[in-house]
Amino acid sequence: MCLFIVYFIYFFIIPQTPARLTRPSASLVSDFPLWSWLVSIPLPVPDDPKSVAILLVAITVIAFAIYGLVVYLSWKLRARSGTLALVLIPTGAYLLLSTFALPNLNTDIFNYMLRGRLTAVYDKNPYRVAADEIPHDPVYPYASHDYTDVAEWWKLPLWTSIEIGLAKLTGDDVAKNLLIYRVAFLLVNISNLILIAIIINNINLSFLIAGLVLYAWNPIIVILGQSKGDTFIVFFLLLAILLMVIERRNLTIVPLTLSVLIKMTTLPFLAVYLLMNLRRKKWRDYIILGILFAITAAVFYIRFDLGDYLTTQLVSIIGMSGGSAPDFFRNFMRVVFVVLIIVIGITRSGEKKQMILGWVILALFFSLFLINYGKVWYLIPLIALACLTPDWRTISTTYLLSFFGFLIYTWNSGFNKEFAAPVVISLPRYIIYLGLLSVGLIAIGAVLLWKMLKQKINGHVGSVPPLFSRQEQE
């Protein structure tokens, strides 16, 4: 119940704070009866920077405190009908709150609509035509115009196809379109939960309850899962893992490629998968994998005549990584990341749990060193992978990254030039980046030290336990 109240505040009170009300989408409130009714209720909405700052920090701390406590309590719960109900019923409530949140919760989804309508309504190629060429479109006033002045050539073709497909299902009623888009994201998120349950049921049934809580109750999933394309990335990534689990390895390349064609953040996973197969020297399978990859990618690139953009897109994605890291650190970590991809790909076996572990390591490295902390939705693939792994190190790191990232995102979105944030600390960005990174690593080290001391006290001195027990690996 406490978490339900926290999310209610995030979805229906925080959007009424001064900075959020400056968003054009705030005017859509009157277009949907539920929004109009909720806004008419005299809710305690703070209206000065200091009060808003306190609310944003308090909501984040409370949400993650409750989330962390529930994860801890669910760790050893067995999957029974009663415990599943305790997880899934609140999950449904949280996701429905997110689906019907006030329309100015975020703006990305309006950009998805507008870009999709370029093709679905106006029959224009979104890689050649900028959204500013259709200023008369009903969605145009509500989109963020940071990128509408240029054709978004850096968007991957499968994501563009999804934008167009959703736009074909909608009309000119913007509020109705928003709800249709959110429901589409909701259905994909529910599919992700189903895939997670099936995968955990096959590799580690005892972790089912905790795994579902780790994904479904994470504030990032609840608040951003119904509006960010990373939800679709995770769907294809989980589908690829499921195919590995049920030993359909050659087909795994198809959904894995599809995930890359939404956003290249999963390209390292694909590279490791191909390297592992190369190491196993099954040349026939490797050729089949290459053909399936090429055909899958070609279908979408040919559709939009994007052959000349393939290399440019790859380079641009690499260039955008590490947005929060200081310049002197960023390029070095990119090189380390490439080396890590190669090392994992050529040293680990292709066994399904080893593959998941390799992807977890890459996702953790990317999230720790190469992510822009303000873009917290980039953590969604890591959260999905972490919920498959009953390992306290992975989960504690993911928890800390989620907390810090969500706090930064919430703070940044709660203020703007017209409603400036109160000055809490005035430090260079790289100092804050290194500080957050250090806190996370120190916390993980403290947990590791505590576990080693506990083992020593109990007379069980030994190495740190592996991600999967020996019995599970067998």
Protein backbone atom coordinates (compact mmCIF):
# COMPACT_ATOMS: atom_id res chain seq x y z
CA MET A 1 0.00 0.00 0.00
CA CYS A 2 2.86 2.39 0.84
CA LEU A 3 4.43 1.89 -2.58
CA PHE A 4 1.05 2.44 -4.23
CA ILE A 5 0.82 5.84 -2.51
CA VAL A 6 4.38 6.70 -3.59
CA TYR A 7 3.58 5.92 -7.21
CA PHE A 8 0.28 7.82 -7.01
CA ILE A 9 2.25 10.89 -5.89
CA TYR A 10 4.74 10.42 -8.72
CA PHE A 11 2.06 10.01 -11.40
CA PHE A 12 -0.53 12.55 -10.27
CA ILE A 13 1.05 15.11 -7.91
CA ILE A 14 4.60 15.60 -9.25
CA PRO A 15 3.26 16.30 -12.80
CA GLN A 16 1.37 19.26 -11.27
CA THR A 17 4.54 20.92 -9.96
CA PRO A 18 5.52 24.20 -11.70
CA ALA A 19 8.25 22.85 -14.03
CA ARG A 20 6.08 19.99 -15.26
CA LEU A 21 3.14 22.33 -15.89
CA THR A 22 5.25 24.31 -18.38
CA ARG A 23 5.23 21.29 -20.70
CA PRO A 24 2.72 21.70 -23.54
CA SER A 25 1.29 18.25 -22.82
CA ALA A 26 -0.11 19.58 -19.53
CA SER A 27 -2.90 21.14 -21.60
CA LEU A 28 -4.14 17.64 -22.52
CA VAL A 29 -5.45 17.11 -18.99
CA SER A 30 -8.89 18.41 -19.99
CA ASP A 31 -9.11 15.88 -22.86
CA PHE A 32 -9.54 12.84 -20.59
CA PRO A 33 -12.14 12.74 -17.77
CA LEU A 34 -9.93 10.85 -15.31
CA TRP A 35 -7.15 13.44 -15.62
CA SER A 36 -9.60 16.32 -15.27
CA TRP A 37 -11.12 14.81 -12.14
CA LEU A 38 -7.76 14.10 -10.51
CA VAL A 39 -6.51 17.62 -11.17
CA SER A 40 -9.70 19.05 -9.69
CA ILE A 41 -9.02 17.33 -6.36
CA PRO A 42 -7.24 19.68 -3.92
CA LEU A 43 -4.04 17.64 -3.67
CA PRO A 44 -1.04 18.99 -1.72
CA VAL A 45 1.10 20.09 -4.68
CA PRO A 46 4.30 21.99 -3.71
CA ASP A 47 4.87 25.20 -5.64
CA ASP A 48 8.32 26.46 -4.61
CA PRO A 49 11.73 24.99 -5.59
CA LYS A 50 12.75 23.95 -2.09
CA SER A 51 9.49 22.08 -1.40
CA VAL A 52 9.61 20.38 -4.79
CA ALA A 53 13.22 19.33 -4.18
CA ILE A 54 12.32 17.81 -0.81
CA LEU A 55 9.39 15.93 -2.37
CA LEU A 56 11.49 14.55 -5.25
CA VAL A 57 14.25 13.30 -2.97
CA ALA A 58 11.83 11.93 -0.36
CA ILE A 59 9.77 10.06 -2.96
CA THR A 60 12.88 8.47 -4.47
CA VAL A 61 14.30 7.42 -1.08
CA ILE A 62 10.97 5.99 0.14
CA ALA A 63 10.29 4.16 -3.13
CA PHE A 64 13.69 2.45 -3.18
CA ALA A 65 13.64 1.72 0.56
CA ILE A 66 10.34 -0.14 0.18
CA TYR A 67 11.50 -1.81 -3.04
CA GLY A 68 14.74 -2.97 -1.43
CA LEU A 69 12.92 -4.29 1.64
CA VAL A 70 10.46 -6.27 -0.49
CA VAL A 71 13.32 -7.73 -2.55
CA TYR A 72 15.04 -8.81 0.67
CA LEU A 73 11.86 -10.37 2.11
CA SER A 74 11.03 -12.18 -1.14
CA TRP A 75 14.51 -13.65 -1.62
CA LYS A 76 13.70 -17.07 -0.17
CA LEU A 77 9.94 -17.17 -0.74
CA ARG A 78 8.78 -20.19 -2.68
CA ALA A 79 6.60 -19.79 -5.75
CA ARG A 80 3.10 -20.66 -4.57
CA SER A 81 -0.24 -19.25 -5.66
CA GLY A 82 -0.42 -17.06 -2.56
CA THR A 83 3.05 -15.55 -2.93
CA LEU A 84 2.58 -15.06 -6.68
CA ALA A 85 -0.64 -13.17 -5.97
CA LEU A 86 1.18 -10.97 -3.44
CA VAL A 87 3.61 -9.98 -6.20
CA LEU A 88 1.41 -9.85 -9.29
CA ILE A 89 -1.67 -8.03 -7.93
CA PRO A 90 0.33 -4.98 -6.75
CA THR A 91 2.33 -5.17 -9.98
CA GLY A 92 -0.88 -4.82 -11.98
CA ALA A 93 -1.93 -1.85 -9.85
CA TYR A 94 1.41 -0.07 -10.29
CA LEU A 95 1.48 -0.60 -14.06
CA LEU A 96 -2.11 0.63 -14.44
CA LEU A 97 -1.24 3.77 -12.48
CA SER A 98 1.65 4.32 -14.88
CA THR A 99 -0.58 3.80 -17.92
CA PHE A 100 -3.10 6.42 -16.78
CA ALA A 101 -0.58 8.91 -15.35
CA LEU A 102 -1.05 12.58 -16.21
CA PRO A 103 -0.03 13.33 -19.82
CA ASN A 104 2.95 15.54 -18.94
CA LEU A 105 4.82 12.77 -17.10
CA ASN A 106 7.33 12.70 -19.97
CA THR A 107 7.59 13.89 -23.58
CA ASP A 108 9.47 11.13 -25.44
CA ILE A 109 6.31 9.26 -26.27
CA PHE A 110 4.96 12.28 -28.21
CA ASN A 111 8.14 12.26 -30.30
CA TYR A 112 7.55 8.57 -31.05
CA MET A 113 4.01 9.45 -32.21
CA LEU A 114 5.15 12.36 -34.36
CA ARG A 115 7.94 10.44 -36.05
CA GLY A 116 5.65 7.48 -36.73
CA ARG A 117 3.04 9.79 -38.24
CA LEU A 118 5.60 11.10 -40.75
CA THR A 119 5.22 7.79 -42.58
CA ALA A 120 1.84 6.48 -41.41
CA VAL A 121 -0.08 9.68 -42.18
CA TYR A 122 2.11 11.74 -44.55
CA ASP A 123 4.00 8.95 -46.38
CA LYS A 124 7.41 10.52 -45.73
CA ASN A 125 10.67 8.76 -44.94
CA PRO A 126 11.59 9.73 -41.31
CA TYR A 127 15.28 9.27 -42.17
CA ARG A 128 15.07 11.93 -44.88
CA VAL A 129 12.42 14.31 -43.53
CA ALA A 130 12.44 16.24 -40.24
CA ALA A 131 9.32 16.40 -38.08
CA ASP A 132 9.42 20.21 -38.32
CA GLU A 133 8.07 19.81 -41.85
CA ILE A 134 4.66 18.84 -40.42
CA PRO A 135 4.01 21.62 -37.86
CA HIS A 136 0.27 21.38 -38.57
CA ASP A 137 0.12 17.83 -37.18
CA PRO A 138 -1.96 17.62 -33.97
CA VAL A 139 0.87 15.84 -32.12
CA TYR A 140 3.52 18.42 -33.06
CA PRO A 141 2.86 20.97 -30.25
CA TYR A 142 3.36 18.33 -27.55
CA ALA A 143 6.66 16.84 -28.74
CA SER A 144 10.07 17.90 -27.48
CA HIS A 145 11.60 20.01 -30.23
CA ASP A 146 15.24 19.36 -29.40
CA TYR A 147 15.50 17.04 -32.41
CA THR A 148 12.49 17.78 -34.62
CA ASP A 149 14.52 20.16 -36.80
CA VAL A 150 16.54 17.30 -38.32
CA ALA A 151 15.74 13.86 -39.71
CA GLU A 152 16.62 11.44 -36.92
CA TRP A 153 19.00 9.25 -38.92
CA TRP A 154 20.49 7.74 -35.72
CA LYS A 155 17.26 5.90 -34.88
CA LEU A 156 17.47 2.17 -35.64
CA PRO A 157 15.07 0.76 -38.29
CA LEU A 158 13.10 -1.71 -36.16
CA TRP A 159 12.26 1.02 -33.67
CA THR A 160 11.18 3.24 -36.58
CA SER A 161 8.96 0.39 -37.82
CA ILE A 162 7.37 0.11 -34.36
CA GLU A 163 6.74 3.87 -34.27
CA ILE A 164 5.06 3.67 -37.68
CA GLY A 165 3.05 0.58 -36.76
CA LEU A 166 1.67 2.21 -33.62
CA ALA A 167 0.92 5.43 -35.51
CA LYS A 168 -1.25 3.45 -37.94
CA LEU A 169 -3.43 2.34 -35.01
CA THR A 170 -4.18 5.88 -33.89
CA GLY A 171 -5.99 8.95 -35.18
CA ASP A 172 -5.79 12.68 -34.54
CA ASP A 173 -6.99 12.63 -30.92
CA VAL A 174 -3.68 13.15 -29.07
CA ALA A 175 -4.92 12.14 -25.61
CA LYS A 176 -6.40 8.93 -27.01
CA ASN A 177 -3.19 8.27 -28.93
CA LEU A 178 -1.16 8.67 -25.73
CA LEU A 179 -3.26 6.07 -23.95
CA ILE A 180 -3.03 3.65 -26.90
CA TYR A 181 0.76 3.99 -26.94
CA ARG A 182 0.97 3.46 -23.18
CA VAL A 183 -1.24 0.37 -23.39
CA ALA A 184 1.02 -1.01 -26.15
CA PHE A 185 4.06 -0.50 -23.92
CA LEU A 186 2.14 -2.03 -21.01
CA LEU A 187 1.40 -5.19 -23.02
CA VAL A 188 5.08 -5.52 -23.94
CA ASN A 189 6.05 -5.06 -20.28
CA ILE A 190 3.58 -7.78 -19.25
CA SER A 191 5.11 -10.00 -21.94
CA ASN A 192 8.52 -9.29 -20.39
CA LEU A 193 7.23 -10.47 -17.02
CA ILE A 194 5.89 -13.67 -18.58
CA LEU A 195 9.23 -14.33 -20.32
CA ILE A 196 11.11 -13.68 -17.07
CA ALA A 197 8.87 -16.14 -15.23
CA ILE A 198 9.37 -18.85 -17.88
CA ILE A 199 13.15 -18.37 -17.96
CA ILE A 200 13.55 -18.42 -14.17
CA ASN A 201 11.25 -21.43 -13.97
CA ASN A 202 13.69 -23.26 -16.26
CA ILE A 203 17.00 -22.21 -14.70
CA ASN A 204 16.31 -21.46 -11.03
CA LEU A 205 12.73 -21.93 -9.84
CA SER A 206 13.51 -21.04 -6.22
CA PHE A 207 14.33 -17.48 -7.33
CA LEU A 208 11.04 -16.88 -9.16
CA ILE A 209 9.35 -14.60 -6.61
CA ALA A 210 12.42 -12.46 -6.01
CA GLY A 211 13.13 -12.26 -9.74
CA LEU A 212 9.62 -11.01 -10.51
CA VAL A 213 9.83 -8.43 -7.71
CA LEU A 214 13.24 -7.25 -8.89
CA TYR A 215 11.86 -6.41 -12.31
CA ALA A 216 8.21 -5.51 -11.82
CA TRP A 217 8.55 -3.41 -8.65
CA ASN A 218 11.63 -1.47 -9.70
CA PRO A 219 10.61 2.24 -9.87
CA ILE A 220 12.39 2.60 -13.22
CA ILE A 221 10.25 -0.16 -14.74
CA VAL A 222 7.03 1.11 -13.18
CA ILE A 223 7.50 4.76 -14.10
CA LEU A 224 9.39 4.57 -17.41
CA GLY A 225 8.56 1.09 -18.67
CA GLN A 226 5.32 2.32 -20.26
CA SER A 227 7.01 5.05 -22.28
CA LYS A 228 10.55 4.06 -23.28
CA GLY A 229 11.69 1.97 -26.23
CA ASP A 230 14.04 0.01 -23.96
CA THR A 231 10.99 -2.01 -22.90
CA PHE A 232 10.86 -3.42 -26.44
CA ILE A 233 14.62 -4.05 -26.38
CA VAL A 234 14.19 -6.17 -23.26
CA PHE A 235 11.35 -8.13 -24.88
CA PHE A 236 13.59 -9.32 -27.71
CA LEU A 237 16.55 -9.84 -25.38
CA LEU A 238 14.46 -12.05 -23.09
CA LEU A 239 13.05 -13.91 -26.09
CA ALA A 240 16.64 -14.64 -27.19
CA ILE A 241 17.48 -15.94 -23.71
CA LEU A 242 14.38 -18.13 -23.71
CA LEU A 243 15.42 -19.67 -27.04
CA MET A 244 18.85 -20.42 -25.53
CA VAL A 245 17.23 -21.97 -22.47
CA ILE A 246 15.08 -24.30 -24.57
CA GLU A 247 18.09 -25.14 -26.78
CA ARG A 248 17.02 -23.31 -29.96
CA ARG A 249 20.42 -21.71 -30.30
CA ASN A 250 20.45 -20.95 -34.01
CA LEU A 251 17.13 -19.12 -33.76
CA THR A 252 18.48 -17.04 -30.85
CA ILE A 253 20.28 -14.79 -33.31
CA VAL A 254 16.98 -13.49 -34.73
CA PRO A 255 15.48 -11.82 -31.61
CA LEU A 256 18.97 -10.79 -30.53
CA THR A 257 19.45 -8.98 -33.84
CA LEU A 258 15.99 -7.44 -33.51
CA SER A 259 16.93 -6.02 -30.12
CA VAL A 260 20.03 -4.42 -31.68
CA LEU A 261 17.85 -2.94 -34.45
CA ILE A 262 15.92 -1.03 -31.78
CA LYS A 263 18.95 0.35 -29.97
CA MET A 264 22.60 -0.66 -30.26
CA THR A 265 23.05 -0.99 -26.51
CA THR A 266 22.58 -4.74 -26.97
CA LEU A 267 25.19 -4.97 -29.74
CA PRO A 268 27.86 -6.13 -27.21
CA PHE A 269 25.58 -9.06 -26.27
CA LEU A 270 25.31 -10.04 -29.92
CA ALA A 271 29.10 -9.78 -30.33
CA VAL A 272 29.70 -12.06 -27.32
CA TYR A 273 27.14 -14.55 -28.62
CA LEU A 274 28.87 -14.75 -31.99
CA LEU A 275 32.36 -14.97 -30.44
CA MET A 276 31.27 -17.80 -28.15
CA ASN A 277 29.95 -19.73 -31.14
CA LEU A 278 33.18 -19.07 -33.04
CA ARG A 279 35.19 -20.40 -30.11
CA ARG A 280 33.13 -23.60 -30.15
CA LYS A 281 34.23 -24.00 -33.80
CA LYS A 282 30.86 -25.11 -35.09
CA TRP A 283 31.45 -23.53 -38.47
CA ARG A 284 28.19 -24.71 -39.98
CA ASP A 285 26.23 -23.13 -37.14
CA TYR A 286 28.35 -20.01 -37.36
CA ILE A 287 27.56 -19.62 -41.06
CA ILE A 288 23.85 -20.12 -40.35
CA LEU A 289 24.03 -17.48 -37.62
CA GLY A 290 25.73 -15.04 -39.98
CA ILE A 291 23.12 -15.58 -42.68
CA LEU A 292 20.21 -15.15 -40.24
CA PHE A 293 21.79 -11.98 -38.83
CA ALA A 294 22.39 -10.50 -42.28
CA ILE A 295 18.89 -11.29 -43.54
CA THR A 296 17.20 -9.94 -40.40
CA ALA A 297 19.17 -6.68 -40.49
CA ALA A 298 18.87 -6.26 -44.27
CA VAL A 299 15.07 -6.49 -44.21
CA PHE A 300 14.82 -3.35 -42.09
CA TYR A 301 17.72 -1.39 -43.56
CA ILE A 302 16.54 -1.94 -47.13
CA ARG A 303 13.01 -0.87 -46.21
CA PHE A 304 14.19 2.64 -45.33
CA ASP A 305 17.13 2.78 -47.77
CA LEU A 306 19.62 3.03 -44.89
CA GLY A 307 22.68 1.30 -46.28
CA ASP A 308 24.75 4.48 -46.15
CA TYR A 309 23.79 5.05 -42.49
CA LEU A 310 24.87 1.70 -41.06
CA THR A 311 28.48 2.67 -40.23
CA THR A 312 27.48 6.20 -39.22
CA GLN A 313 24.89 4.90 -36.76
CA LEU A 314 27.39 2.55 -35.16
CA VAL A 315 30.00 5.31 -34.75
CA SER A 316 27.42 7.74 -33.36
CA ILE A 317 26.26 5.25 -30.74
CA ILE A 318 29.84 4.77 -29.58
CA GLY A 319 30.32 8.53 -29.51
CA MET A 320 27.22 9.07 -27.34
CA SER A 321 28.21 6.49 -24.72
CA GLY A 322 29.67 7.63 -21.46
CA GLY A 323 27.80 10.91 -21.39
CA SER A 324 28.27 11.34 -17.64
CA ALA A 325 31.94 10.37 -17.52
CA PRO A 326 34.71 13.00 -17.64
CA ASP A 327 36.42 13.34 -21.02
CA PHE A 328 39.78 12.05 -19.82
CA PHE A 329 38.11 8.85 -18.57
CA ARG A 330 35.53 8.20 -21.27
CA ASN A 331 37.69 7.05 -24.20
CA PHE A 332 39.78 4.79 -21.97
CA MET A 333 36.68 3.01 -20.65
CA ARG A 334 35.36 2.52 -24.17
CA VAL A 335 38.58 0.71 -25.09
CA VAL A 336 38.35 -1.38 -21.91
CA PHE A 337 34.75 -2.25 -22.78
CA VAL A 338 35.72 -3.51 -26.24
CA VAL A 339 38.50 -5.62 -24.71
CA LEU A 340 36.03 -6.97 -22.14
CA ILE A 341 33.64 -8.00 -24.93
CA ILE A 342 36.40 -9.94 -26.67
CA VAL A 343 37.67 -11.57 -23.46
CA ILE A 344 34.21 -12.72 -22.41
CA GLY A 345 33.41 -13.94 -25.90
CA ILE A 346 36.52 -16.09 -26.28
CA THR A 347 36.96 -17.37 -22.71
CA ARG A 348 33.48 -18.43 -21.62
CA SER A 349 31.56 -21.45 -22.78
CA GLY A 350 28.33 -21.12 -24.71
CA GLU A 351 26.33 -22.78 -21.91
CA LYS A 352 23.14 -20.80 -21.25
CA LYS A 353 23.98 -19.67 -17.70
CA GLN A 354 27.49 -18.73 -18.76
CA MET A 355 26.01 -16.66 -21.58
CA ILE A 356 23.65 -14.85 -19.20
CA LEU A 357 26.55 -14.25 -16.81
CA GLY A 358 28.67 -12.79 -19.62
CA TRP A 359 25.86 -10.43 -20.61
CA VAL A 360 25.36 -9.42 -16.96
CA ILE A 361 29.04 -8.48 -16.68
CA LEU A 362 28.84 -6.38 -19.85
CA ALA A 363 25.62 -4.69 -18.73
CA LEU A 364 27.13 -3.87 -15.33
CA PHE A 365 30.27 -2.41 -16.90
CA PHE A 366 28.26 -0.35 -19.38
CA SER A 367 25.97 0.93 -16.63
CA LEU A 368 28.81 1.76 -14.25
CA PHE A 369 31.17 3.47 -16.67
CA LEU A 370 29.49 4.34 -19.98
CA ILE A 371 25.93 5.36 -19.21
CA ASN A 372 24.61 8.90 -19.03
CA TYR A 373 23.18 8.81 -15.51
CA GLY A 374 20.41 11.23 -16.43
CA LYS A 375 19.09 8.67 -18.95
CA VAL A 376 18.09 6.13 -16.36
CA TRP A 377 16.01 4.09 -18.83
CA TYR A 378 19.30 2.74 -20.21
CA LEU A 379 19.35 0.59 -17.06
CA ILE A 380 16.24 -1.36 -18.07
CA PRO A 381 18.20 -4.16 -19.85
CA LEU A 382 20.49 -4.51 -16.81
CA ILE A 383 17.47 -4.75 -14.49
CA ALA A 384 15.98 -7.48 -16.70
CA LEU A 385 19.23 -9.47 -16.69
CA ALA A 386 19.77 -8.99 -12.95
CA CYS A 387 16.37 -10.48 -12.13
CA LEU A 388 17.51 -13.75 -13.77
CA THR A 389 20.60 -14.05 -11.58
CA PRO A 390 20.32 -15.03 -7.88
CA ASP A 391 23.56 -13.24 -7.04
CA TRP A 392 23.75 -10.56 -4.33
CA ARG A 393 26.63 -8.74 -6.05
CA THR A 394 24.74 -8.24 -9.30
CA ILE A 395 21.52 -7.31 -7.54
CA SER A 396 23.11 -4.91 -5.05
CA THR A 397 24.99 -3.13 -7.85
CA THR A 398 21.84 -2.89 -9.97
CA TYR A 399 19.90 -1.59 -6.97
CA LEU A 400 22.44 1.16 -6.27
CA LEU A 401 22.68 2.17 -9.92
CA SER A 402 18.88 2.25 -10.16
CA PHE A 403 18.61 4.42 -7.06
CA PHE A 404 21.25 6.97 -8.05
CA GLY A 405 20.14 7.07 -11.68
CA PHE A 406 16.49 7.48 -10.77
CA LEU A 407 17.30 10.24 -8.29
CA ILE A 408 19.26 12.18 -10.93
CA TYR A 409 16.54 11.66 -13.56
CA THR A 410 13.78 12.73 -11.17
CA TRP A 411 15.71 15.80 -10.09
CA ASN A 412 16.54 16.86 -13.65
CA SER A 413 12.96 16.45 -14.86
CA GLY A 414 11.53 18.33 -11.88
CA PHE A 415 13.16 21.64 -12.75
CA ASN A 416 13.86 23.80 -15.80
CA LYS A 417 15.05 27.31 -16.69
CA GLU A 418 11.80 28.92 -15.58
CA PHE A 419 11.67 26.92 -12.34
CA ALA A 420 15.29 26.48 -11.32
CA ALA A 421 16.46 23.86 -8.83
CA PRO A 422 17.82 25.04 -5.48
CA VAL A 423 21.61 24.87 -5.29
CA VAL A 424 22.45 21.90 -3.08
CA ILE A 425 26.03 21.29 -4.15
CA SER A 426 28.12 23.19 -6.67
CA LEU A 427 30.70 20.80 -8.03
CA PRO A 428 32.02 19.96 -11.51
CA ARG A 429 30.04 17.20 -13.20
CA TYR A 430 32.96 14.77 -13.24
CA ILE A 431 33.33 15.06 -9.44
CA ILE A 432 29.68 14.06 -8.98
CA TYR A 433 30.15 11.22 -11.48
CA LEU A 434 33.21 9.84 -9.72
CA GLY A 435 31.54 10.33 -6.34
CA LEU A 436 28.50 8.29 -7.30
CA LEU A 437 30.69 5.63 -8.87
CA SER A 438 32.85 5.43 -5.75
CA VAL A 439 29.85 5.15 -3.42
CA GLY A 440 28.49 2.27 -5.47
CA LEU A 441 31.78 0.40 -5.57
CA ILE A 442 32.45 0.99 -1.85
CA ALA A 443 29.00 -0.29 -0.95
CA ILE A 444 29.52 -3.44 -3.01
CA GLY A 445 32.96 -3.91 -1.44
CA ALA A 446 31.48 -3.51 2.04
CA VAL A 447 28.91 -6.22 1.36
CA LEU A 448 31.64 -8.46 -0.02
CA LEU A 449 33.81 -7.88 3.07
CA TRP A 450 30.88 -8.56 5.37
CA LYS A 451 30.11 -11.83 3.60
CA MET A 452 33.76 -12.95 3.79
CA LEU A 453 33.93 -12.12 7.51
CA LYS A 454 30.71 -14.00 8.11
CA GLN A 455 32.11 -17.04 6.33
CA LYS A 456 35.29 -16.83 8.39
CA ILE A 457 33.36 -16.59 11.64
CA ASN A 458 31.28 -19.60 10.65
CA GLY A 459 34.42 -21.55 9.75
CA HIS A 460 33.66 -21.58 6.05
CA VAL A 461 36.48 -19.53 4.69
CA GLY A 462 36.65 -19.85 0.94
CA SER A 463 36.24 -18.08 -2.31
CA VAL A 464 33.36 -15.78 -3.06
CA PRO A 465 30.38 -17.88 -4.13
CA PRO A 466 29.85 -18.07 -7.88
CA LEU A 467 26.87 -16.62 -9.65
CA PHE A 468 25.31 -20.08 -9.86
CA SER A 469 26.00 -22.93 -7.52
CA ARG A 470 27.83 -26.00 -8.72
CA GLN A 471 24.61 -27.99 -8.67
CA GLU A 472 22.81 -25.36 -10.75
CA GLN A 473 25.65 -25.19 -13.27
CA GLU A 474 25.41 -28.92 -13.77
